[in-house]
Amino acid sequence: MRVRFFWVLLLTLVGLLLAYGAGIYKFNEVLLYAWVDQWLAEIASDVLTMAHQQEGQAPPPTPEAFPSVPGLYWQVWFVWTDDTRLLRRSANAPTIALDPEARSRPGSAPVRRTLRWQDRLWRVYTLSHKIQPASSMSARYWVAQVALDITPWRDRQVWLTVGMFAGGALVVGVMALALNRMLRWTLWPMEQVARLADEIMTTEDLSRRLPVVGLTVPELHTWAQAFNAALDRLEELFQQQRRFLADVSHELRTPLTVIRGQAQLMRRTGAYDAEAVADIEREAERLSRLVEDLLFLARAEAGTLPLRREKVDLDTIVLDVLRQAQVLGQAKGQRVVLEHLEPLPVVGDPDRLTQALLNLVSNAVRYTPEGGTIRLGARREDQWAVVWVSDTGPGIPPEDLPHVFERFYRAQRSRTRRGPGGFGLGLAIVQWIVDAHGGWVTVQSRVGQGTTFTLHLPLDPERAGAWDADEDA
């Protein structure tokens, strides 16, 4: 790829330099001819004027009476029908016309030509002046022809061309070296990326990274760091996927083993066992909940999960969840109390918000020991609705806090399960629901003292503003 880019850029540069040189050469030539033609036109006009003024003099003036310039000559002819006579010329001029066609066919417009004569290059300017004839006479003309030897200028143009080619070759050589080095700097990371991608596909090792130490160009250094960060994220996603598959397999293995074992037991005994049937129903229910949670997260990530947007009183949802939490806590000897409650108008899906709060409450009931206390509260902070659920359970170690919202993650070393176990999907569902409503969820915990989950959701600006106005009144 580097070689192809090198030759494409170098040939493009050569083409541009050739076009630029040809343009300069042509412009210089046009400028030279324009300047020479202007000068010759002035000389031709002056020669015709002098010839006309001296026409009636006798004897006619000698050639020495007219100016003579090296490399420049002029001639004046009298043209009348088939009669063409050379009247006057400069001392250095030949007796023939360099451009006989323009001389023999005079006209109103001047004629400019570049001709070669005696191995020299001449610019010939022919100017005609019509003499008004009598009624019985044909038209007569004074024709002045001025020629300038432009060979020295053309020679200079040749040397200019040679110099331009030499300079262009030098520029191309320098640019070739610069392009080679520049492409090595710029395309080397891309080549490394291609090589790294092939190695990752071959070895399935996502731990490989681009080296950034040798990159001196800041843009390339930033680009390499961004690519490595993308690989870090990709590796993390693959690891999460592997953990996800392993955890799903683990969670499915236990209930399936129980169901298969109890069914085999009843088949061997040939008798109905109420306890075995109860175990089968309980494990089937656990499987059903696992499948529902997995379907929820899969549809949520795919963007196919319907999410309503309507005006909701979050404080009403908190009260409903509080009543359900009191029923759950009473069965385990726990106290569920409401610490604080304010009107909290929000916009969202009431079913999903209820699901998020129930997941937090169920999590608190599961990990709070008998006789413990679970607290719910809701208050307003600026333009945010804040809802919290706290418990007096064993707490979460600091090293586990960053992972509590990951799927199938359970800090079992400190938060020992009590009662029916979960799958580690509830908090992941809570986080998705809160994120989908434009908020965020946080967790605070101290080992041996308990844990607090806090939801932040944006208030409905329209109804929140009306509520503020009523409070002020």
Protein backbone atom coordinates (compact mmCIF):
# COMPACT_ATOMS: atom_id res chain seq x y z
CA MET A 1 0.00 0.00 0.00
CA ARG A 2 2.84 2.36 0.82
CA VAL A 3 4.52 1.82 -2.58
CA ARG A 4 1.26 2.43 -4.42
CA PHE A 5 0.59 5.65 -2.53
CA PHE A 6 4.18 6.75 -3.11
CA TRP A 7 4.03 6.38 -6.88
CA VAL A 8 0.57 7.90 -7.16
CA LEU A 9 1.61 11.00 -5.21
CA LEU A 10 4.99 11.29 -6.95
CA LEU A 11 3.53 10.98 -10.46
CA THR A 12 0.85 13.50 -9.53
CA LEU A 13 3.57 15.89 -8.41
CA VAL A 14 5.54 15.34 -11.64
CA GLY A 15 2.40 16.01 -13.68
CA LEU A 16 1.71 19.21 -11.76
CA LEU A 17 5.30 20.39 -12.22
CA LEU A 18 5.18 19.67 -15.97
CA ALA A 19 1.91 21.53 -16.31
CA TYR A 20 3.30 24.43 -14.30
CA GLY A 21 6.51 24.53 -16.40
CA ALA A 22 4.56 24.40 -19.66
CA GLY A 23 2.35 27.23 -18.42
CA ILE A 24 5.35 29.36 -17.47
CA TYR A 25 7.04 28.65 -20.82
CA LYS A 26 3.91 29.55 -22.79
CA PHE A 27 3.27 32.66 -20.73
CA ASN A 28 6.85 33.83 -21.22
CA GLU A 29 6.55 33.24 -24.98
CA VAL A 30 3.28 35.13 -25.26
CA LEU A 31 4.68 37.97 -23.18
CA LEU A 32 7.81 38.13 -25.37
CA TYR A 33 5.86 38.24 -28.62
CA ALA A 34 3.47 40.85 -27.24
CA TRP A 35 6.36 43.11 -26.23
CA VAL A 36 8.23 42.57 -29.56
CA ASP A 37 5.07 43.15 -31.63
CA GLN A 38 4.32 46.36 -29.79
CA TRP A 39 7.84 47.65 -30.41
CA LEU A 40 7.81 46.61 -34.08
CA ALA A 41 4.41 48.23 -34.56
CA GLU A 42 5.79 51.57 -33.30
CA ILE A 43 8.84 51.30 -35.60
CA ALA A 44 6.69 50.37 -38.63
CA SER A 45 4.40 53.31 -38.02
CA ASP A 46 7.35 55.70 -37.72
CA VAL A 47 8.96 54.32 -40.91
CA LEU A 48 5.77 54.81 -42.91
CA THR A 49 5.43 58.34 -41.58
CA MET A 50 9.03 59.24 -42.60
CA ALA A 51 8.63 57.63 -46.01
CA HIS A 52 5.43 59.54 -46.70
CA GLN A 53 6.95 62.84 -45.61
CA GLN A 54 9.97 62.41 -47.92
CA GLU A 55 8.00 61.12 -50.89
CA GLY A 56 8.11 64.38 -52.87
CA GLN A 57 11.76 65.17 -52.15
CA ALA A 58 14.39 64.96 -54.90
CA PRO A 59 16.76 63.28 -54.94
CA PRO A 60 15.34 60.50 -52.70
CA PRO A 61 17.07 60.01 -49.38
CA THR A 62 19.87 57.51 -49.12
CA PRO A 63 19.54 54.43 -46.91
CA GLU A 64 21.97 55.94 -44.44
CA ALA A 65 19.39 58.63 -43.69
CA PHE A 66 17.31 56.08 -41.78
CA PRO A 67 18.19 54.53 -38.46
CA SER A 68 20.07 51.24 -38.35
CA VAL A 69 19.92 48.93 -35.29
CA PRO A 70 21.78 45.58 -35.10
CA GLY A 71 19.33 42.72 -35.38
CA LEU A 72 16.57 45.03 -36.64
CA TYR A 73 15.80 45.97 -40.19
CA TRP A 74 12.97 47.65 -42.00
CA GLN A 75 11.84 48.05 -45.59
CA VAL A 76 9.19 50.12 -47.37
CA TRP A 77 7.55 49.04 -50.63
CA PHE A 78 5.22 50.78 -52.98
CA VAL A 79 2.52 48.33 -54.09
CA TRP A 80 0.25 49.22 -57.01
CA THR A 81 -1.58 46.43 -58.86
CA ASP A 82 1.27 44.21 -60.19
CA ASP A 83 3.91 46.84 -59.63
CA THR A 84 5.87 46.34 -56.41
CA ARG A 85 8.90 48.52 -55.83
CA LEU A 86 11.27 48.69 -52.91
CA LEU A 87 11.43 52.35 -51.99
CA ARG A 88 13.45 52.52 -48.83
CA ARG A 89 15.17 50.22 -46.39
CA SER A 90 17.53 50.26 -43.48
CA ALA A 91 21.23 49.99 -44.16
CA ASN A 92 21.43 46.41 -42.81
CA ALA A 93 18.29 45.10 -44.53
CA PRO A 94 18.35 42.67 -47.47
CA THR A 95 16.70 43.55 -50.77
CA ILE A 96 14.16 40.76 -50.44
CA ALA A 97 11.08 40.50 -48.29
CA LEU A 98 11.09 37.92 -45.51
CA ASP A 99 7.32 37.70 -45.73
CA PRO A 100 6.53 38.23 -49.45
CA GLU A 101 2.95 37.03 -49.11
CA ALA A 102 2.07 39.72 -46.58
CA ARG A 103 3.90 42.33 -48.68
CA SER A 104 2.17 41.39 -51.96
CA ARG A 105 -1.30 41.33 -50.39
CA PRO A 106 -1.58 44.47 -48.34
CA GLY A 107 -4.57 44.98 -46.14
CA SER A 108 -5.88 47.07 -43.31
CA ALA A 109 -4.81 44.68 -40.51
CA PRO A 110 -1.12 44.20 -39.67
CA VAL A 111 0.41 40.74 -40.16
CA ARG A 112 2.64 39.15 -37.52
CA ARG A 113 4.69 36.07 -38.25
CA THR A 114 7.66 34.20 -36.84
CA LEU A 115 9.99 33.02 -39.68
CA ARG A 116 13.38 31.34 -39.97
CA TRP A 117 15.93 32.95 -42.33
CA GLN A 118 19.68 32.31 -42.55
CA ASP A 119 19.53 29.98 -39.54
CA ARG A 120 18.09 32.77 -37.45
CA LEU A 121 14.62 33.23 -36.02
CA TRP A 122 12.89 36.48 -36.96
CA ARG A 123 9.71 38.15 -35.83
CA VAL A 124 8.28 39.93 -38.90
CA TYR A 125 5.70 42.68 -38.62
CA THR A 126 4.01 43.91 -41.84
CA LEU A 127 1.97 47.14 -41.83
CA SER A 128 0.05 48.54 -44.82
CA HIS A 129 -1.04 52.14 -45.46
CA LYS A 130 -3.57 52.76 -48.23
CA ILE A 131 -3.08 55.83 -50.45
CA GLN A 132 -6.37 57.34 -51.61
CA PRO A 133 -6.31 56.92 -55.46
CA ALA A 134 -7.82 59.14 -58.15
CA SER A 135 -11.01 57.91 -59.76
CA SER A 136 -9.13 56.43 -62.71
CA MET A 137 -6.44 54.78 -60.68
CA SER A 138 -6.33 51.52 -58.74
CA ALA A 139 -5.59 51.40 -55.03
CA ARG A 140 -2.01 52.03 -53.99
CA TYR A 141 -0.31 51.07 -50.72
CA TRP A 142 2.71 51.87 -48.72
CA VAL A 143 3.86 48.62 -47.12
CA ALA A 144 6.37 48.68 -44.27
CA GLN A 145 7.97 45.47 -43.12
CA VAL A 146 9.97 45.43 -39.88
CA ALA A 147 11.87 42.36 -38.69
CA LEU A 148 13.66 41.66 -35.43
CA ASP A 149 16.10 38.84 -34.77
CA ILE A 150 14.61 37.04 -31.74
CA THR A 151 17.09 34.16 -31.75
CA PRO A 152 18.80 35.39 -28.53
CA TRP A 153 15.46 35.50 -26.72
CA ARG A 154 14.54 32.03 -27.92
CA ASP A 155 17.94 30.77 -26.85
CA ARG A 156 17.29 32.21 -23.42
CA GLN A 157 13.94 30.41 -23.38
CA VAL A 158 15.70 27.16 -24.16
CA TRP A 159 18.07 27.72 -21.23
CA LEU A 160 15.06 28.68 -19.11
CA THR A 161 13.43 25.40 -20.05
CA VAL A 162 16.59 23.46 -19.23
CA GLY A 163 16.82 25.26 -15.89
CA MET A 164 13.19 24.54 -15.12
CA PHE A 165 13.66 20.84 -15.91
CA ALA A 166 16.76 20.69 -13.75
CA GLY A 167 15.03 22.49 -10.90
CA GLY A 168 11.96 20.30 -11.33
CA ALA A 169 14.09 17.17 -11.20
CA LEU A 170 15.69 18.42 -8.00
CA VAL A 171 12.28 19.21 -6.51
CA VAL A 172 10.97 15.77 -7.52
CA GLY A 173 13.98 14.10 -5.91
CA VAL A 174 13.56 16.02 -2.66
CA MET A 175 9.82 15.40 -2.65
CA ALA A 176 10.38 11.70 -3.32
CA LEU A 177 12.52 11.45 -0.20
CA ALA A 178 10.04 13.53 1.80
CA LEU A 179 7.08 11.48 0.54
CA ASN A 180 8.81 8.23 1.38
CA ARG A 181 9.48 9.38 4.92
CA MET A 182 6.05 10.96 5.34
CA LEU A 183 4.24 7.88 4.07
CA ARG A 184 6.33 5.71 6.34
CA TRP A 185 5.21 7.84 9.29
CA THR A 186 1.56 8.01 8.28
CA LEU A 187 0.94 4.57 6.77
CA TRP A 188 3.05 2.56 9.19
CA PRO A 189 0.29 2.54 11.85
CA MET A 190 -2.26 1.45 9.23
CA GLU A 191 0.02 -1.38 8.13
CA GLN A 192 0.44 -2.31 11.76
CA VAL A 193 -3.34 -2.29 12.18
CA ALA A 194 -3.76 -4.65 9.21
CA ARG A 195 -1.02 -6.93 10.53
CA LEU A 196 -2.47 -6.78 14.03
CA ALA A 197 -5.97 -7.61 12.74
CA ASP A 198 -4.59 -10.66 10.90
CA GLU A 199 -2.77 -11.80 14.03
CA ILE A 200 -5.89 -11.36 16.16
CA MET A 201 -7.96 -13.33 13.66
CA THR A 202 -5.33 -16.08 13.59
CA THR A 203 -4.54 -16.32 17.30
CA GLU A 204 -7.84 -14.98 18.72
CA ASP A 205 -5.72 -12.93 21.12
CA LEU A 206 -7.36 -9.59 21.84
CA SER A 207 -4.61 -8.55 24.23
CA ARG A 208 -2.38 -7.33 21.36
CA ARG A 209 -1.98 -3.55 21.04
CA LEU A 210 -0.38 -1.03 18.69
CA PRO A 211 2.99 0.32 19.89
CA VAL A 212 2.75 4.05 20.53
CA VAL A 213 6.27 4.73 21.82
CA GLY A 214 7.85 5.33 18.39
CA LEU A 215 5.09 7.60 17.07
CA THR A 216 6.45 11.14 17.10
CA VAL A 217 3.58 12.70 15.15
CA PRO A 218 0.96 13.84 17.73
CA GLU A 219 -2.00 13.03 15.47
CA LEU A 220 -0.79 9.49 14.83
CA HIS A 221 -0.03 9.02 18.52
CA THR A 222 -3.60 10.08 19.37
CA TRP A 223 -4.98 7.83 16.64
CA ALA A 224 -3.03 4.82 17.90
CA GLN A 225 -4.20 5.45 21.46
CA ALA A 226 -7.81 5.64 20.27
CA PHE A 227 -7.40 2.39 18.36
CA ASN A 228 -5.92 0.69 21.41
CA ALA A 229 -8.80 2.02 23.50
CA ALA A 230 -11.22 0.49 21.01
CA LEU A 231 -9.39 -2.82 21.33
CA ASP A 232 -9.60 -2.53 25.13
CA ARG A 233 -13.35 -2.06 24.88
CA LEU A 234 -13.67 -4.91 22.39
CA GLU A 235 -11.66 -7.21 24.63
CA GLU A 236 -13.83 -6.25 27.58
CA LEU A 237 -16.99 -6.99 25.59
CA PHE A 238 -15.66 -10.39 24.53
CA GLN A 239 -14.74 -11.20 28.12
CA GLN A 240 -18.20 -10.13 29.26
CA GLN A 241 -19.71 -12.34 26.57
CA ARG A 242 -17.64 -15.30 27.72
CA ARG A 243 -18.63 -14.66 31.34
CA PHE A 244 -22.22 -14.28 30.24
CA LEU A 245 -22.25 -17.63 28.47
CA ALA A 246 -20.49 -19.30 31.37
CA ASP A 247 -22.91 -17.79 33.92
CA VAL A 248 -25.96 -18.72 31.86
CA SER A 249 -24.67 -22.27 31.61
CA HIS A 250 -24.08 -22.35 35.34
CA GLU A 251 -27.51 -20.92 36.20
CA LEU A 252 -29.26 -23.36 33.87
CA ARG A 253 -27.36 -26.37 35.12
CA THR A 254 -28.72 -26.33 38.69
CA PRO A 255 -32.47 -26.15 38.00
CA LEU A 256 -32.23 -28.58 35.12
CA THR A 257 -30.33 -31.03 37.32
CA VAL A 258 -32.98 -30.75 40.04
CA ILE A 259 -35.85 -31.22 37.58
CA ARG A 260 -34.19 -34.20 35.91
CA GLY A 261 -33.29 -35.82 39.24
CA GLN A 262 -36.78 -35.48 40.74
CA ALA A 263 -38.40 -36.76 37.55
CA GLN A 264 -36.09 -39.79 37.49
CA LEU A 265 -36.83 -40.45 41.19
CA MET A 266 -40.60 -40.52 40.59
CA ARG A 267 -40.15 -42.76 37.54
CA ARG A 268 -38.07 -45.27 39.52
CA THR A 269 -40.46 -45.37 42.49
CA GLY A 270 -43.57 -45.24 40.34
CA ALA A 271 -45.28 -43.12 43.02
CA TYR A 272 -46.40 -39.53 43.18
CA ASP A 273 -44.05 -37.43 45.34
CA ALA A 274 -45.54 -34.06 46.33
CA GLU A 275 -42.15 -32.72 47.51
CA ALA A 276 -40.49 -33.67 44.20
CA VAL A 277 -43.26 -31.98 42.24
CA ALA A 278 -42.86 -28.85 44.38
CA ASP A 279 -39.12 -28.83 43.65
CA ILE A 280 -39.81 -29.18 39.94
CA GLU A 281 -42.30 -26.31 40.00
CA ARG A 282 -39.90 -24.11 41.97
CA GLU A 283 -36.99 -24.74 39.62
CA ALA A 284 -39.22 -24.29 36.54
CA GLU A 285 -40.28 -20.93 37.97
CA ARG A 286 -36.64 -19.95 38.40
CA LEU A 287 -35.94 -20.92 34.79
CA SER A 288 -38.91 -18.87 33.64
CA ARG A 289 -37.65 -15.81 35.52
CA LEU A 290 -34.18 -16.26 34.08
CA VAL A 291 -35.53 -16.48 30.54
CA GLU A 292 -37.71 -13.41 31.06
CA ASP A 293 -34.79 -11.37 32.39
CA LEU A 294 -32.53 -12.46 29.53
CA LEU A 295 -35.22 -11.62 26.97
CA PHE A 296 -35.69 -8.23 28.60
CA LEU A 297 -31.99 -7.36 28.36
CA ALA A 298 -31.66 -8.76 24.83
CA ARG A 299 -34.63 -6.73 23.56
CA ALA A 300 -33.40 -3.67 25.43
CA GLU A 301 -29.95 -3.82 23.81
CA ALA A 302 -31.47 -4.51 20.38
CA GLY A 303 -33.73 -1.45 20.72
CA THR A 304 -36.92 -3.47 20.26
CA LEU A 305 -38.21 -3.12 23.82
CA PRO A 306 -41.25 -0.79 23.86
CA LEU A 307 -40.89 2.11 26.29
CA ARG A 308 -43.83 4.41 26.89
CA ARG A 309 -43.47 8.13 27.46
CA GLU A 310 -46.26 9.53 29.61
CA LYS A 311 -46.71 11.78 32.61
CA VAL A 312 -46.07 9.80 35.79
CA ASP A 313 -46.18 10.67 39.49
CA LEU A 314 -43.08 8.96 40.79
CA ASP A 315 -44.15 9.44 44.40
CA THR A 316 -47.27 7.31 43.70
CA ILE A 317 -45.06 4.52 42.31
CA VAL A 318 -42.86 4.72 45.42
CA LEU A 319 -45.95 4.25 47.64
CA ASP A 320 -47.10 1.22 45.61
CA VAL A 321 -43.64 -0.35 45.82
CA LEU A 322 -43.53 0.42 49.55
CA ARG A 323 -46.72 -1.61 50.16
CA GLN A 324 -45.31 -4.58 48.24
CA ALA A 325 -41.99 -4.30 50.07
CA GLN A 326 -43.78 -4.34 53.44
CA VAL A 327 -45.49 -7.59 52.49
CA LEU A 328 -42.17 -9.15 51.43
CA GLY A 329 -40.34 -7.86 54.50
CA GLN A 330 -43.04 -8.97 56.93
CA ALA A 331 -42.63 -12.56 55.77
CA LYS A 332 -38.92 -12.38 56.71
CA GLY A 333 -39.30 -10.40 59.91
CA GLN A 334 -37.95 -7.16 58.42
CA ARG A 335 -39.12 -3.56 58.83
CA VAL A 336 -39.80 -1.50 55.69
CA VAL A 337 -40.20 2.23 56.41
CA LEU A 338 -40.71 5.38 54.34
CA GLU A 339 -38.17 8.03 55.25
CA HIS A 340 -39.28 10.92 53.05
CA LEU A 341 -41.68 11.59 50.17
CA GLU A 342 -42.28 14.58 47.91
CA PRO A 343 -44.38 15.06 44.76
CA LEU A 344 -42.15 14.05 41.86
CA PRO A 345 -43.69 14.51 38.39
CA VAL A 346 -41.66 12.73 35.69
CA VAL A 347 -42.12 11.50 32.13
CA GLY A 348 -41.60 7.80 31.52
CA ASP A 349 -42.97 4.28 31.49
CA PRO A 350 -44.72 3.56 34.82
CA ASP A 351 -44.41 -0.22 34.44
CA ARG A 352 -40.64 -0.08 33.85
CA LEU A 353 -40.10 2.40 36.69
CA THR A 354 -42.07 0.13 38.99
CA GLN A 355 -39.98 -2.83 37.81
CA ALA A 356 -36.74 -0.97 38.60
CA LEU A 357 -37.86 -0.07 42.15
CA LEU A 358 -39.18 -3.59 42.79
CA ASN A 359 -35.85 -5.07 41.71
CA LEU A 360 -34.03 -2.83 44.21
CA VAL A 361 -36.51 -3.66 46.97
CA SER A 362 -36.33 -7.40 46.25
CA ASN A 363 -32.56 -7.19 46.32
CA ALA A 364 -32.68 -5.42 49.70
CA VAL A 365 -35.13 -7.97 51.15
CA ARG A 366 -32.95 -10.84 49.90
CA TYR A 367 -29.78 -9.62 51.59
CA THR A 368 -31.18 -8.04 54.77
CA PRO A 369 -31.12 -10.34 57.80
CA GLU A 370 -34.15 -11.02 59.97
CA GLY A 371 -34.96 -8.04 62.14
CA GLY A 372 -33.21 -5.66 59.76
CA THR A 373 -34.63 -2.45 58.32
CA ILE A 374 -35.24 -1.37 54.71
CA ARG A 375 -35.80 2.30 54.02
CA LEU A 376 -37.37 3.99 51.00
CA GLY A 377 -37.43 7.69 50.25
CA ALA A 378 -37.99 10.20 47.47
CA ARG A 379 -37.08 13.85 47.28
CA ARG A 380 -36.39 16.59 44.76
CA GLU A 381 -32.91 17.98 44.08
CA ASP A 382 -32.98 20.90 41.62
CA GLN A 383 -34.48 19.44 38.42
CA TRP A 384 -34.00 15.81 39.44
CA ALA A 385 -36.14 13.27 41.21
CA VAL A 386 -34.06 11.22 43.67
CA VAL A 387 -35.32 7.89 44.99
CA TRP A 388 -33.28 5.67 47.30
CA VAL A 389 -33.55 2.16 48.76
CA SER A 390 -31.26 1.29 51.66
CA ASP A 391 -30.86 -1.81 53.78
CA THR A 392 -28.99 -2.96 56.88
CA GLY A 393 -27.49 -6.02 55.24
CA PRO A 394 -23.86 -7.17 55.23
CA GLY A 395 -22.77 -4.54 52.66
CA ILE A 396 -20.63 -4.85 49.56
CA PRO A 397 -16.81 -4.86 49.60
CA PRO A 398 -15.20 -1.88 47.79
CA GLU A 399 -13.61 -4.12 45.16
CA ASP A 400 -17.06 -5.43 44.18
CA LEU A 401 -18.85 -2.08 43.92
CA PRO A 402 -17.74 -1.29 40.31
CA HIS A 403 -19.20 -4.60 39.12
CA VAL A 404 -22.59 -4.79 40.85
CA PHE A 405 -24.47 -3.67 37.71
CA GLU A 406 -22.84 -6.31 35.51
CA ARG A 407 -24.88 -9.33 34.44
CA PHE A 408 -24.70 -12.40 36.66
CA TYR A 409 -22.43 -10.60 39.09
CA ARG A 410 -23.05 -11.30 42.77
CA ALA A 411 -20.79 -10.23 45.62
CA GLN A 412 -21.39 -13.49 47.45
CA ARG A 413 -18.43 -13.21 49.74
CA SER A 414 -20.17 -10.58 51.88
CA ARG A 415 -23.80 -10.55 50.73
CA THR A 416 -24.73 -14.13 51.48
CA ARG A 417 -28.00 -15.10 49.84
CA ARG A 418 -30.98 -15.64 52.05
CA GLY A 419 -34.06 -17.27 50.63
CA PRO A 420 -34.57 -17.79 46.91
CA GLY A 421 -31.45 -16.75 45.06
CA GLY A 422 -31.31 -14.34 42.15
CA PHE A 423 -29.39 -14.50 38.91
CA GLY A 424 -27.45 -11.25 39.09
CA LEU A 425 -29.60 -9.68 36.35
CA GLY A 426 -31.85 -7.45 38.46
CA LEU A 427 -29.37 -4.59 38.88
CA ALA A 428 -28.43 -4.71 35.19
CA ILE A 429 -32.12 -4.30 34.36
CA VAL A 430 -32.38 -1.40 36.83
CA GLN A 431 -29.45 0.38 35.22
CA TRP A 432 -30.89 -0.01 31.70
CA ILE A 433 -34.32 1.31 32.75
CA VAL A 434 -32.84 4.35 34.49
CA ASP A 435 -30.49 5.09 31.59
CA ALA A 436 -33.40 4.81 29.14
CA HIS A 437 -35.23 7.50 31.14
CA GLY A 438 -32.25 9.88 30.97
CA GLY A 439 -31.05 9.33 34.53
CA TRP A 440 -28.43 7.34 36.38
CA VAL A 441 -28.14 5.01 39.38
CA THR A 442 -25.46 4.96 42.08
CA VAL A 443 -24.58 2.62 44.93
CA GLN A 444 -22.96 3.28 48.30
CA SER A 445 -22.07 0.52 50.72
CA ARG A 446 -20.02 -0.21 53.80
CA VAL A 447 -19.24 -3.74 54.88
CA GLY A 448 -21.26 -4.69 57.96
CA GLN A 449 -23.47 -1.55 57.80
CA GLY A 450 -25.61 -1.89 54.71
CA THR A 451 -26.08 -0.66 51.15
CA THR A 452 -27.96 2.23 49.52
CA PHE A 453 -29.03 2.39 45.87
CA THR A 454 -30.04 5.83 44.58
CA LEU A 455 -31.93 6.62 41.37
CA HIS A 456 -31.76 10.03 39.68
CA LEU A 457 -34.47 10.78 37.10
CA PRO A 458 -35.21 14.09 35.33
CA LEU A 459 -38.35 15.89 36.48
CA ASP A 460 -41.10 16.87 34.06
CA PRO A 461 -40.21 20.57 33.46
CA GLU A 462 -43.81 21.59 32.74
CA ARG A 463 -45.40 20.09 35.83
CA ALA A 464 -42.38 20.74 38.03
CA GLY A 465 -42.61 24.46 37.16
CA ALA A 466 -46.32 24.54 37.97
CA TRP A 467 -45.64 22.82 41.29
CA ASP A 468 -43.00 25.46 42.13
CA ALA A 469 -45.50 28.21 41.36
CA ASP A 470 -48.08 26.64 43.67
CA GLU A 471 -45.51 26.35 46.46
CA ASP A 472 -44.56 30.01 46.09
CA ALA A 473 -48.24 31.01 46.23
